[in-house]
Amino acid sequence: MFPTIIICVIILGIEFITGIIANGLMIVVNCSEWIRSRKLTCCDMILTSLGISRFFLQCTISSNNILSQLPQDMNELCAIFRIVTIFWMFLTTLNLWFATCLSVFYCVKIANFSQPLFLWLKRRISGLVPQLLMGSFLVSLVTCLPSVNTIDRKYIDNSMNNLSGNTTGECLYKVDLSSSFFILSMLGYTSPFIIFIISSILLITSLWRHSKRMEKTTSTSRDTVTEAHVRAIKGLISFIFFYISYFVALVIFLLELSTISSYYVWIVIMGAYPSGHSVILILGNPKLKRVAVRALHYAGCRLREAVS
């Protein structure tokens, strides 16, 4: 069990550094463009929001893991742990909704369907992006609010036990599966997940049909378009993989179905989502990829100069 924990801690460290760099890059590049031109495209607006939420989510996951390993017999430490847990729950819900907004945006802008509702969304999706992002923030906040009283009550009860002379207990976040809080939390996590899956399936179906239609054209056009659509489908599949992995790990974490050793494995899976998918987004975005390549080249030159 101990080697597994050590390996998981090392992987978590790599995920943390990768996530901070990747999401920091998205934030800096898009914010710099906004400062320069005073405007952002709808896609960049979603990517910036996603990068900010994932940046803080990565920090919160790491802080939560560190605090859970420290002695939990100090009131100050318990209070900090409670605050970090609340932020983690809020950022998790917010991140799932932002990722769903990105999937819906891609689906509406790229997919081709003749339904009236879809055509209406296609004309208005660009203007709806700020409202979608603000709505995601408010829904995440409302979903997270009940956890404040739940975690605070557990913390106070634990402190009262200590004052009465009982053995000091761990100030850990426990989920009451029968509480309305758990039902509301699961609703907050499940709703964006369902919307994400539907929009992703619709987009992949549309891209696949379009690729099949383009096979009837000339070979040069077919090769170019098919290659572009295959890249898009691969990116979507990776997006779905990271999203589903994070969602499953989150549910198992909330239901407390994991053992001590598997707990770290699920935390590694959860940490891979905000870092791994951000890297894929950078590689699939020409502007971000160009900046990342320049940054890596600059870092490599500096490293060679330092070694020599």
C-alpha atoms as a PDB file:
ATOM      1  CA  MET A   1       0.000   0.000   0.000  1.00  0.00           C
ATOM      2  CA  PHE A   2       2.827   2.401   0.899  1.00  0.00           C
ATOM      3  CA  PRO A   3       4.535   2.281  -2.566  1.00  0.00           C
ATOM      4  CA  THR A   4       1.141   2.949  -4.175  1.00  0.00           C
ATOM      5  CA  ILE A   5       0.664   6.038  -2.032  1.00  0.00           C
ATOM      6  CA  ILE A   6       4.166   7.317  -2.855  1.00  0.00           C
ATOM      7  CA  ILE A   7       3.580   6.838  -6.596  1.00  0.00           C
ATOM      8  CA  CYS A   8       0.213   8.591  -6.363  1.00  0.00           C
ATOM      9  CA  VAL A   9       1.758  11.526  -4.482  1.00  0.00           C
ATOM     10  CA  ILE A  10       4.431  11.900  -7.189  1.00  0.00           C
ATOM     11  CA  ILE A  11       1.798  11.777  -9.946  1.00  0.00           C
ATOM     12  CA  LEU A  12      -0.295  14.338  -8.055  1.00  0.00           C
ATOM     13  CA  GLY A  13       2.727  16.639  -7.957  1.00  0.00           C
ATOM     14  CA  ILE A  14       3.226  16.303 -11.709  1.00  0.00           C
ATOM     15  CA  GLU A  15      -0.487  16.915 -12.330  1.00  0.00           C
ATOM     16  CA  PHE A  16      -0.402  19.992 -10.104  1.00  0.00           C
ATOM     17  CA  ILE A  17       2.572  21.553 -11.919  1.00  0.00           C
ATOM     18  CA  THR A  18       1.141  20.679 -15.353  1.00  0.00           C
ATOM     19  CA  GLY A  19      -2.281  22.048 -14.450  1.00  0.00           C
ATOM     20  CA  ILE A  20      -0.921  25.293 -13.018  1.00  0.00           C
ATOM     21  CA  ILE A  21       1.225  25.908 -16.121  1.00  0.00           C
ATOM     22  CA  ALA A  22      -1.442  24.901 -18.676  1.00  0.00           C
ATOM     23  CA  ASN A  23      -4.338  26.769 -17.085  1.00  0.00           C
ATOM     24  CA  GLY A  24      -2.090  29.718 -16.241  1.00  0.00           C
ATOM     25  CA  LEU A  25      -1.102  29.899 -19.906  1.00  0.00           C
ATOM     26  CA  MET A  26      -4.753  30.032 -21.018  1.00  0.00           C
ATOM     27  CA  ILE A  27      -5.500  32.765 -18.480  1.00  0.00           C
ATOM     28  CA  VAL A  28      -2.468  34.914 -19.325  1.00  0.00           C
ATOM     29  CA  VAL A  29      -2.821  34.655 -23.119  1.00  0.00           C
ATOM     30  CA  ASN A  30      -6.536  35.402 -23.219  1.00  0.00           C
ATOM     31  CA  CYS A  31      -6.397  38.142 -20.573  1.00  0.00           C
ATOM     32  CA  SER A  32      -3.487  39.778 -22.412  1.00  0.00           C
ATOM     33  CA  GLU A  33      -5.528  39.760 -25.613  1.00  0.00           C
ATOM     34  CA  TRP A  34      -8.506  41.235 -23.764  1.00  0.00           C
ATOM     35  CA  ILE A  35      -6.343  44.038 -22.318  1.00  0.00           C
ATOM     36  CA  ARG A  36      -4.936  44.749 -25.793  1.00  0.00           C
ATOM     37  CA  SER A  37      -8.141  44.688 -27.816  1.00  0.00           C
ATOM     38  CA  ARG A  38     -10.783  45.095 -25.096  1.00  0.00           C
ATOM     39  CA  LYS A  39     -12.708  42.117 -26.456  1.00  0.00           C
ATOM     40  CA  LEU A  40     -12.667  38.333 -26.434  1.00  0.00           C
ATOM     41  CA  THR A  41     -14.272  35.804 -28.730  1.00  0.00           C
ATOM     42  CA  CYS A  42     -16.983  33.640 -27.203  1.00  0.00           C
ATOM     43  CA  CYS A  43     -14.736  30.584 -27.306  1.00  0.00           C
ATOM     44  CA  ASP A  44     -11.864  32.457 -25.597  1.00  0.00           C
ATOM     45  CA  MET A  45     -14.306  33.726 -22.971  1.00  0.00           C
ATOM     46  CA  ILE A  46     -15.295  30.153 -22.096  1.00  0.00           C
ATOM     47  CA  LEU A  47     -11.682  28.954 -22.182  1.00  0.00           C
ATOM     48  CA  THR A  48     -10.612  31.778 -19.858  1.00  0.00           C
ATOM     49  CA  SER A  49     -13.404  30.991 -17.400  1.00  0.00           C
ATOM     50  CA  LEU A  50     -12.531  27.304 -17.597  1.00  0.00           C
ATOM     51  CA  GLY A  51      -8.826  28.048 -17.084  1.00  0.00           C
ATOM     52  CA  ILE A  52      -9.483  30.216 -14.009  1.00  0.00           C
ATOM     53  CA  SER A  53     -11.800  27.653 -12.407  1.00  0.00           C
ATOM     54  CA  ARG A  54      -9.383  24.798 -13.123  1.00  0.00           C
ATOM     55  CA  PHE A  55      -6.398  26.787 -11.835  1.00  0.00           C
ATOM     56  CA  PHE A  56      -8.071  27.253  -8.458  1.00  0.00           C
ATOM     57  CA  LEU A  57      -9.552  23.732  -8.527  1.00  0.00           C
ATOM     58  CA  GLN A  58      -6.052  22.292  -8.941  1.00  0.00           C
ATOM     59  CA  CYS A  59      -4.820  24.391  -6.008  1.00  0.00           C
ATOM     60  CA  THR A  60      -7.811  23.340  -3.899  1.00  0.00           C
ATOM     61  CA  ILE A  61      -7.350  19.618  -4.618  1.00  0.00           C
ATOM     62  CA  SER A  62      -3.690  19.827  -3.612  1.00  0.00           C
ATOM     63  CA  SER A  63      -4.473  21.884  -0.481  1.00  0.00           C
ATOM     64  CA  ASN A  64      -7.207  19.434   0.502  1.00  0.00           C
ATOM     65  CA  ASN A  65      -4.821  16.495   0.183  1.00  0.00           C
ATOM     66  CA  ILE A  66      -2.127  18.233   2.253  1.00  0.00           C
ATOM     67  CA  LEU A  67      -4.538  19.291   4.996  1.00  0.00           C
ATOM     68  CA  SER A  68      -6.079  15.807   5.219  1.00  0.00           C
ATOM     69  CA  GLN A  69      -2.650  14.402   6.124  1.00  0.00           C
ATOM     70  CA  LEU A  70      -1.997  16.883   8.966  1.00  0.00           C
ATOM     71  CA  PRO A  71      -3.126  16.393  12.594  1.00  0.00           C
ATOM     72  CA  GLN A  72      -6.771  17.406  12.841  1.00  0.00           C
ATOM     73  CA  ASP A  73      -6.820  18.280  16.571  1.00  0.00           C
ATOM     74  CA  MET A  74      -6.425  22.059  16.177  1.00  0.00           C
ATOM     75  CA  ASN A  75      -9.476  24.261  15.811  1.00  0.00           C
ATOM     76  CA  GLU A  76      -7.703  26.581  13.375  1.00  0.00           C
ATOM     77  CA  LEU A  77      -6.684  23.695  11.129  1.00  0.00           C
ATOM     78  CA  CYS A  78     -10.201  22.258  11.159  1.00  0.00           C
ATOM     79  CA  ALA A  79     -11.605  25.638  10.186  1.00  0.00           C
ATOM     80  CA  ILE A  80      -9.159  25.940   7.285  1.00  0.00           C
ATOM     81  CA  PHE A  81      -9.963  22.385   6.182  1.00  0.00           C
ATOM     82  CA  ARG A  82     -13.685  23.217   6.225  1.00  0.00           C
ATOM     83  CA  ILE A  83     -13.182  26.340   4.097  1.00  0.00           C
ATOM     84  CA  VAL A  84     -10.997  24.478   1.583  1.00  0.00           C
ATOM     85  CA  THR A  85     -13.585  21.685   1.329  1.00  0.00           C
ATOM     86  CA  ILE A  86     -16.368  24.178   0.627  1.00  0.00           C
ATOM     87  CA  PHE A  87     -14.272  25.870  -2.071  1.00  0.00           C
ATOM     88  CA  TRP A  88     -13.455  22.462  -3.581  1.00  0.00           C
ATOM     89  CA  MET A  89     -17.140  21.569  -3.849  1.00  0.00           C
ATOM     90  CA  PHE A  90     -18.010  24.946  -5.364  1.00  0.00           C
ATOM     91  CA  LEU A  91     -15.130  24.857  -7.883  1.00  0.00           C
ATOM     92  CA  THR A  92     -15.930  21.254  -8.827  1.00  0.00           C
ATOM     93  CA  THR A  93     -19.532  22.138  -9.697  1.00  0.00           C
ATOM     94  CA  LEU A  94     -18.451  25.347 -11.449  1.00  0.00           C
ATOM     95  CA  ASN A  95     -15.815  23.511 -13.484  1.00  0.00           C
ATOM     96  CA  LEU A  96     -18.284  20.861 -14.621  1.00  0.00           C
ATOM     97  CA  TRP A  97     -20.722  23.562 -15.752  1.00  0.00           C
ATOM     98  CA  PHE A  98     -18.024  25.563 -17.597  1.00  0.00           C
ATOM     99  CA  ALA A  99     -16.851  22.409 -19.362  1.00  0.00           C
ATOM    100  CA  THR A 100     -20.458  21.692 -20.314  1.00  0.00           C
ATOM    101  CA  CYS A 101     -20.804  25.250 -21.673  1.00  0.00           C
ATOM    102  CA  LEU A 102     -17.759  24.626 -23.877  1.00  0.00           C
ATOM    103  CA  SER A 103     -19.199  21.344 -25.142  1.00  0.00           C
ATOM    104  CA  VAL A 104     -22.594  22.953 -25.867  1.00  0.00           C
ATOM    105  CA  PHE A 105     -20.905  25.891 -27.625  1.00  0.00           C
ATOM    106  CA  TYR A 106     -18.886  23.574 -29.881  1.00  0.00           C
ATOM    107  CA  CYS A 107     -21.964  21.458 -30.582  1.00  0.00           C
ATOM    108  CA  VAL A 108     -24.167  24.402 -31.563  1.00  0.00           C
ATOM    109  CA  LYS A 109     -21.490  26.165 -33.636  1.00  0.00           C
ATOM    110  CA  ILE A 110     -20.118  23.122 -35.481  1.00  0.00           C
ATOM    111  CA  ALA A 111     -22.909  20.534 -35.701  1.00  0.00           C
ATOM    112  CA  ASN A 112     -25.504  20.668 -38.468  1.00  0.00           C
ATOM    113  CA  PHE A 113     -29.086  19.748 -37.587  1.00  0.00           C
ATOM    114  CA  SER A 114     -32.316  21.059 -39.079  1.00  0.00           C
ATOM    115  CA  GLN A 115     -34.421  21.216 -35.905  1.00  0.00           C
ATOM    116  CA  PRO A 116     -35.912  24.715 -35.293  1.00  0.00           C
ATOM    117  CA  LEU A 117     -34.628  24.899 -31.701  1.00  0.00           C
ATOM    118  CA  PHE A 118     -31.117  24.008 -32.805  1.00  0.00           C
ATOM    119  CA  LEU A 119     -31.187  26.602 -35.609  1.00  0.00           C
ATOM    120  CA  TRP A 120     -32.435  29.230 -33.130  1.00  0.00           C
ATOM    121  CA  LEU A 121     -29.563  28.404 -30.765  1.00  0.00           C
ATOM    122  CA  LYS A 122     -27.086  28.505 -33.638  1.00  0.00           C
ATOM    123  CA  ARG A 123     -28.052  32.105 -34.399  1.00  0.00           C
ATOM    124  CA  ARG A 124     -28.001  33.279 -30.783  1.00  0.00           C
ATOM    125  CA  ILE A 125     -25.364  31.163 -29.009  1.00  0.00           C
ATOM    126  CA  SER A 126     -22.653  33.834 -29.283  1.00  0.00           C
ATOM    127  CA  GLY A 127     -24.799  36.379 -27.472  1.00  0.00           C
ATOM    128  CA  LEU A 128     -25.845  33.842 -24.851  1.00  0.00           C
ATOM    129  CA  VAL A 129     -22.305  32.895 -23.741  1.00  0.00           C
ATOM    130  CA  PRO A 130     -21.967  35.585 -20.991  1.00  0.00           C
ATOM    131  CA  GLN A 131     -25.389  34.608 -19.609  1.00  0.00           C
ATOM    132  CA  LEU A 132     -24.460  30.916 -19.699  1.00  0.00           C
ATOM    133  CA  LEU A 133     -21.245  31.563 -17.769  1.00  0.00           C
ATOM    134  CA  MET A 134     -22.990  33.746 -15.186  1.00  0.00           C
ATOM    135  CA  GLY A 135     -25.802  31.200 -14.881  1.00  0.00           C
ATOM    136  CA  SER A 136     -23.238  28.441 -14.320  1.00  0.00           C
ATOM    137  CA  PHE A 137     -21.652  30.500 -11.553  1.00  0.00           C
ATOM    138  CA  LEU A 138     -24.979  31.146  -9.812  1.00  0.00           C
ATOM    139  CA  VAL A 139     -26.155  27.527 -10.103  1.00  0.00           C
ATOM    140  CA  SER A 140     -22.835  26.296  -8.679  1.00  0.00           C
ATOM    141  CA  LEU A 141     -23.102  28.774  -5.814  1.00  0.00           C
ATOM    142  CA  VAL A 142     -26.667  27.769  -4.970  1.00  0.00           C
ATOM    143  CA  THR A 143     -25.743  24.079  -5.129  1.00  0.00           C
ATOM    144  CA  CYS A 144     -22.768  24.622  -2.815  1.00  0.00           C
ATOM    145  CA  LEU A 145     -24.502  26.816  -0.178  1.00  0.00           C
ATOM    146  CA  PRO A 146     -26.101  23.952   1.843  1.00  0.00           C
ATOM    147  CA  SER A 147     -22.646  22.439   2.425  1.00  0.00           C
ATOM    148  CA  VAL A 148     -21.621  25.470   4.506  1.00  0.00           C
ATOM    149  CA  ASN A 149     -24.006  24.663   7.358  1.00  0.00           C
ATOM    150  CA  THR A 150     -23.409  20.911   7.064  1.00  0.00           C
ATOM    151  CA  ILE A 151     -19.628  21.084   7.352  1.00  0.00           C
ATOM    152  CA  ASP A 152     -19.735  23.863   9.950  1.00  0.00           C
ATOM    153  CA  ARG A 153     -22.083  21.825  12.147  1.00  0.00           C
ATOM    154  CA  LYS A 154     -19.816  18.784  12.028  1.00  0.00           C
ATOM    155  CA  TYR A 155     -16.838  20.936  12.952  1.00  0.00           C
ATOM    156  CA  ILE A 156     -18.602  22.548  15.943  1.00  0.00           C
ATOM    157  CA  ASP A 157     -19.865  19.198  17.188  1.00  0.00           C
ATOM    158  CA  ASN A 158     -16.331  17.827  17.045  1.00  0.00           C
ATOM    159  CA  SER A 159     -15.012  20.810  19.018  1.00  0.00           C
ATOM    160  CA  MET A 160     -17.702  20.314  21.691  1.00  0.00           C
ATOM    161  CA  ASN A 161     -16.670  16.695  22.071  1.00  0.00           C
ATOM    162  CA  ASN A 162     -13.100  17.791  22.634  1.00  0.00           C
ATOM    163  CA  LEU A 163     -14.196  20.292  25.292  1.00  0.00           C
ATOM    164  CA  SER A 164     -16.174  17.622  27.095  1.00  0.00           C
ATOM    165  CA  GLY A 165     -13.087  15.484  27.453  1.00  0.00           C
ATOM    166  CA  ASN A 166     -13.701  12.955  24.707  1.00  0.00           C
ATOM    167  CA  THR A 167     -10.995  11.746  22.378  1.00  0.00           C
ATOM    168  CA  THR A 168     -10.088  14.171  19.623  1.00  0.00           C
ATOM    169  CA  GLY A 169     -11.707  13.071  16.368  1.00  0.00           C
ATOM    170  CA  GLU A 170     -10.748  13.791  12.813  1.00  0.00           C
ATOM    171  CA  CYS A 171     -12.264  16.935  11.364  1.00  0.00           C
ATOM    172  CA  LEU A 172     -12.976  15.359   7.985  1.00  0.00           C
ATOM    173  CA  TYR A 173     -15.815  16.040   5.591  1.00  0.00           C
ATOM    174  CA  LYS A 174     -18.374  13.222   5.756  1.00  0.00           C
ATOM    175  CA  VAL A 175     -21.404  12.926   3.502  1.00  0.00           C
ATOM    176  CA  ASP A 176     -24.792  12.104   4.953  1.00  0.00           C
ATOM    177  CA  LEU A 177     -26.341  10.069   2.141  1.00  0.00           C
ATOM    178  CA  SER A 178     -29.843  10.675   3.496  1.00  0.00           C
ATOM    179  CA  SER A 179     -29.487  14.449   3.690  1.00  0.00           C
ATOM    180  CA  SER A 180     -31.018  16.913   1.278  1.00  0.00           C
ATOM    181  CA  PHE A 181     -27.511  18.345   0.924  1.00  0.00           C
ATOM    182  CA  PHE A 182     -26.253  15.165  -0.728  1.00  0.00           C
ATOM    183  CA  ILE A 183     -29.256  15.048  -3.066  1.00  0.00           C
ATOM    184  CA  LEU A 184     -28.731  18.687  -4.062  1.00  0.00           C
ATOM    185  CA  SER A 185     -25.007  18.124  -4.558  1.00  0.00           C
ATOM    186  CA  MET A 186     -25.582  15.104  -6.778  1.00  0.00           C
ATOM    187  CA  LEU A 187     -28.153  17.102  -8.762  1.00  0.00           C
ATOM    188  CA  GLY A 188     -25.562  19.841  -9.230  1.00  0.00           C
ATOM    189  CA  TYR A 189     -22.983  17.333 -10.453  1.00  0.00           C
ATOM    190  CA  THR A 190     -25.309  15.158 -12.549  1.00  0.00           C
ATOM    191  CA  SER A 191     -27.134  17.908 -14.466  1.00  0.00           C
ATOM    192  CA  PRO A 192     -24.071  19.271 -16.326  1.00  0.00           C
ATOM    193  CA  PHE A 193     -22.841  15.712 -16.856  1.00  0.00           C
ATOM    194  CA  ILE A 194     -26.048  14.708 -18.683  1.00  0.00           C
ATOM    195  CA  ILE A 195     -26.039  17.890 -20.807  1.00  0.00           C
ATOM    196  CA  PHE A 196     -22.358  17.354 -21.609  1.00  0.00           C
ATOM    197  CA  ILE A 197     -22.900  13.763 -22.758  1.00  0.00           C
ATOM    198  CA  ILE A 198     -25.875  14.723 -24.965  1.00  0.00           C
ATOM    199  CA  SER A 199     -24.068  17.636 -26.640  1.00  0.00           C
ATOM    200  CA  SER A 200     -20.909  15.577 -27.181  1.00  0.00           C
ATOM    201  CA  ILE A 201     -22.818  12.701 -28.778  1.00  0.00           C
ATOM    202  CA  LEU A 202     -24.690  15.122 -31.045  1.00  0.00           C
ATOM    203  CA  LEU A 203     -21.449  16.787 -32.137  1.00  0.00           C
ATOM    204  CA  ILE A 204     -19.615  13.524 -32.800  1.00  0.00           C
ATOM    205  CA  THR A 205     -22.611  12.231 -34.775  1.00  0.00           C
ATOM    206  CA  SER A 206     -22.719  15.403 -36.874  1.00  0.00           C
ATOM    207  CA  LEU A 207     -18.962  15.326 -37.546  1.00  0.00           C
ATOM    208  CA  TRP A 208     -19.106  11.651 -38.501  1.00  0.00           C
ATOM    209  CA  ARG A 209     -21.959  12.208 -40.937  1.00  0.00           C
ATOM    210  CA  HIS A 210     -20.204  15.208 -42.440  1.00  0.00           C
ATOM    211  CA  SER A 211     -17.004  13.205 -42.915  1.00  0.00           C
ATOM    212  CA  LYS A 212     -18.941  10.480 -44.683  1.00  0.00           C
ATOM    213  CA  ARG A 213     -20.551  13.012 -47.024  1.00  0.00           C
ATOM    214  CA  MET A 214     -17.175  14.593 -47.805  1.00  0.00           C
ATOM    215  CA  GLU A 215     -15.786  11.225 -48.905  1.00  0.00           C
ATOM    216  CA  LYS A 216     -17.759  11.668 -52.137  1.00  0.00           C
ATOM    217  CA  THR A 217     -15.719  14.734 -53.102  1.00  0.00           C
ATOM    218  CA  THR A 218     -12.229  14.861 -54.619  1.00  0.00           C
ATOM    219  CA  SER A 219      -9.399  13.067 -52.859  1.00  0.00           C
ATOM    220  CA  THR A 220      -7.523  16.263 -51.879  1.00  0.00           C
ATOM    221  CA  SER A 221     -10.585  17.817 -50.292  1.00  0.00           C
ATOM    222  CA  ARG A 222     -11.489  14.542 -48.692  1.00  0.00           C
ATOM    223  CA  ASP A 223      -8.039  14.107 -47.114  1.00  0.00           C
ATOM    224  CA  THR A 224      -7.969  17.632 -45.679  1.00  0.00           C
ATOM    225  CA  VAL A 225     -11.496  17.665 -44.320  1.00  0.00           C
ATOM    226  CA  THR A 226     -11.354  14.086 -43.039  1.00  0.00           C
ATOM    227  CA  GLU A 227      -8.117  14.795 -41.196  1.00  0.00           C
ATOM    228  CA  ALA A 228      -9.612  17.881 -39.557  1.00  0.00           C
ATOM    229  CA  HIS A 229     -12.749  16.014 -38.511  1.00  0.00           C
ATOM    230  CA  VAL A 230     -10.773  13.059 -37.179  1.00  0.00           C
ATOM    231  CA  ARG A 231      -8.717  15.456 -35.031  1.00  0.00           C
ATOM    232  CA  ALA A 232     -11.920  17.057 -33.758  1.00  0.00           C
ATOM    233  CA  ILE A 233     -13.462  13.679 -32.930  1.00  0.00           C
ATOM    234  CA  LYS A 234     -10.282  12.551 -31.117  1.00  0.00           C
ATOM    235  CA  GLY A 235     -10.275  15.762 -29.102  1.00  0.00           C
ATOM    236  CA  LEU A 236     -13.921  15.240 -28.165  1.00  0.00           C
ATOM    237  CA  ILE A 237     -13.328  11.629 -27.154  1.00  0.00           C
ATOM    238  CA  SER A 238     -10.448  12.688 -24.900  1.00  0.00           C
ATOM    239  CA  PHE A 239     -12.670  15.420 -23.464  1.00  0.00           C
ATOM    240  CA  ILE A 240     -15.381  12.814 -22.728  1.00  0.00           C
ATOM    241  CA  PHE A 241     -12.808  10.440 -21.195  1.00  0.00           C
ATOM    242  CA  PHE A 242     -11.440  13.047 -18.772  1.00  0.00           C
ATOM    243  CA  TYR A 243     -14.928  14.337 -17.907  1.00  0.00           C
ATOM    244  CA  ILE A 244     -16.418  10.909 -17.207  1.00  0.00           C
ATOM    245  CA  SER A 245     -13.330   9.813 -15.241  1.00  0.00           C
ATOM    246  CA  TYR A 246     -13.551  12.883 -13.034  1.00  0.00           C
ATOM    247  CA  PHE A 247     -17.295  12.472 -12.543  1.00  0.00           C
ATOM    248  CA  VAL A 248     -16.995   8.776 -11.571  1.00  0.00           C
ATOM    249  CA  ALA A 249     -14.099   9.493  -9.181  1.00  0.00           C
ATOM    250  CA  LEU A 250     -16.095  12.345  -7.657  1.00  0.00           C
ATOM    251  CA  VAL A 251     -19.150  10.136  -7.027  1.00  0.00           C
ATOM    252  CA  ILE A 252     -17.009   7.383  -5.483  1.00  0.00           C
ATOM    253  CA  PHE A 253     -15.276   9.993  -3.332  1.00  0.00           C
ATOM    254  CA  LEU A 254     -18.609  11.411  -2.105  1.00  0.00           C
ATOM    255  CA  LEU A 255     -20.084   7.965  -1.447  1.00  0.00           C
ATOM    256  CA  GLU A 256     -16.912   7.004   0.480  1.00  0.00           C
ATOM    257  CA  LEU A 257     -16.625   3.696  -1.370  1.00  0.00           C
ATOM    258  CA  SER A 258     -12.823   3.743  -1.572  1.00  0.00           C
ATOM    259  CA  THR A 259     -10.220   2.195   0.740  1.00  0.00           C
ATOM    260  CA  ILE A 260      -7.167   4.111   1.980  1.00  0.00           C
ATOM    261  CA  SER A 261      -4.946   3.043  -0.930  1.00  0.00           C
ATOM    262  CA  SER A 262      -7.630   3.399  -3.614  1.00  0.00           C
ATOM    263  CA  TYR A 263      -8.491   6.833  -2.185  1.00  0.00           C
ATOM    264  CA  TYR A 264      -5.223   8.178  -3.560  1.00  0.00           C
ATOM    265  CA  VAL A 265      -5.863   6.533  -6.927  1.00  0.00           C
ATOM    266  CA  TRP A 266      -9.223   8.308  -7.216  1.00  0.00           C
ATOM    267  CA  ILE A 267      -7.612  11.597  -6.187  1.00  0.00           C
ATOM    268  CA  VAL A 268      -5.038  11.117  -8.967  1.00  0.00           C
ATOM    269  CA  ILE A 269      -7.871  10.545 -11.465  1.00  0.00           C
ATOM    270  CA  MET A 270      -9.634  13.680 -10.245  1.00  0.00           C
ATOM    271  CA  GLY A 271      -6.406  15.680 -10.515  1.00  0.00           C
ATOM    272  CA  ALA A 272      -5.816  14.491 -14.081  1.00  0.00           C
ATOM    273  CA  TYR A 273      -8.960  16.186 -15.387  1.00  0.00           C
ATOM    274  CA  PRO A 274      -8.143  19.888 -14.775  1.00  0.00           C
ATOM    275  CA  SER A 275      -4.565  19.414 -15.987  1.00  0.00           C
ATOM    276  CA  GLY A 276      -4.766  16.804 -18.773  1.00  0.00           C
ATOM    277  CA  HIS A 277      -7.726  18.258 -20.613  1.00  0.00           C
ATOM    278  CA  SER A 278      -6.296  21.775 -20.425  1.00  0.00           C
ATOM    279  CA  VAL A 279      -3.180  20.484 -22.211  1.00  0.00           C
ATOM    280  CA  ILE A 280      -5.400  18.986 -24.920  1.00  0.00           C
ATOM    281  CA  LEU A 281      -7.263  22.292 -25.277  1.00  0.00           C
ATOM    282  CA  ILE A 282      -3.963  24.120 -25.739  1.00  0.00           C
ATOM    283  CA  LEU A 283      -2.773  21.635 -28.377  1.00  0.00           C
ATOM    284  CA  GLY A 284      -6.074  22.018 -30.241  1.00  0.00           C
ATOM    285  CA  ASN A 285      -6.043  25.826 -30.193  1.00  0.00           C
ATOM    286  CA  PRO A 286      -3.601  27.372 -32.738  1.00  0.00           C
ATOM    287  CA  LYS A 287      -3.120  30.592 -30.756  1.00  0.00           C
ATOM    288  CA  LEU A 288      -2.478  28.857 -27.428  1.00  0.00           C
ATOM    289  CA  LYS A 289      -0.338  26.190 -29.055  1.00  0.00           C
ATOM    290  CA  ARG A 290       1.831  28.842 -30.721  1.00  0.00           C
ATOM    291  CA  VAL A 291       2.428  30.622 -27.415  1.00  0.00           C
ATOM    292  CA  ALA A 292       3.120  27.317 -25.631  1.00  0.00           C
ATOM    293  CA  VAL A 293       5.703  26.305 -28.248  1.00  0.00           C
ATOM    294  CA  ARG A 294       7.432  29.688 -27.947  1.00  0.00           C
ATOM    295  CA  ALA A 295       7.427  29.412 -24.147  1.00  0.00           C
ATOM    296  CA  LEU A 296       8.898  25.899 -24.250  1.00  0.00           C
ATOM    297  CA  HIS A 297      11.553  27.030 -26.738  1.00  0.00           C
ATOM    298  CA  TYR A 298      12.459  29.975 -24.500  1.00  0.00           C
ATOM    299  CA  ALA A 299      12.608  27.743 -21.410  1.00  0.00           C
ATOM    300  CA  GLY A 300      14.792  25.230 -23.291  1.00  0.00           C
ATOM    301  CA  CYS A 301      17.214  27.974 -24.360  1.00  0.00           C
ATOM    302  CA  ARG A 302      17.439  29.283 -20.797  1.00  0.00           C
ATOM    303  CA  LEU A 303      18.020  25.779 -19.476  1.00  0.00           C
ATOM    304  CA  ARG A 304      20.809  25.124 -21.979  1.00  0.00           C
ATOM    305  CA  GLU A 305      22.423  28.438 -21.084  1.00  0.00           C
ATOM    306  CA  ALA A 306      22.249  27.589 -17.374  1.00  0.00           C
ATOM    307  CA  VAL A 307      23.790  24.150 -17.933  1.00  0.00           C
ATOM    308  CA  SER A 308      26.570  25.484 -20.140  1.00  0.00           C
END
